[in-house]
Amino acid sequence: MRYLLTGAVKAGKSHRALQIARAEFPLNRIFIATAEIFDSEMEERIAKHRAERKGPDGSDDFITIEEPIELDKAVTDALARFPGEEKPGIIIDCIPMWVNNMLYHDREADLYKILEKTITALPEDTVIVTNEIGWGNIPYDELSRRYNRLVAEVNIRLAAAVDRVELLVTGIPVRIK
């Protein structure tokens, strides 16, 4: 089943994605991480997420692919790792960071092309993590407003392409679709 998990920052979306993957995906599990380390806070956050992907024995439960821009290629590369075998389950974490990277690296013109190729390539077992960022104030600056609009548009397209959408509120998943 394809899932989209949304909610506020630190609402438990990444933890929920791991729960779903461990319960529902075959042993071939791929984690596509979109974050890049820009500062010490982000470095700590990434280290915490890496630790959460380890199993009880300390081994990795997921093959991690770090890809800040080319999500479509990351998905197709992940699937190519298992030719002729059962397709892997994939987590993509997270969409707002990917949109941020597209803007930061001046790749906004490629965003929808990469998004559509990503959606087309998604395997049956997929969990996508995003943020519901439209519940705050309207930002003062144009770049922040454009970022919010892009994340919202990407979220709408992803929600239409998946089987299930869950909103996480204080770590509790609420089924939307």
Foldseek 3Di string as FASTA:
>chain_A
DEEEEEEAPPLAQLVVLLVCCVVPWPQAEEEEEQDDDDDDVVVVVVVVSQQSQADPVRHGSHHYDYHNEQLLVVLVVSQVVAPPDDGGAYEYPADLSSLVSCVVVVNVVCVVVSLVSNLVSHDLRYYYYYYPPPPDDQDPDPVVNVSNVVSVVSVVVSVVSGDWYWYRGNNDTDTDD
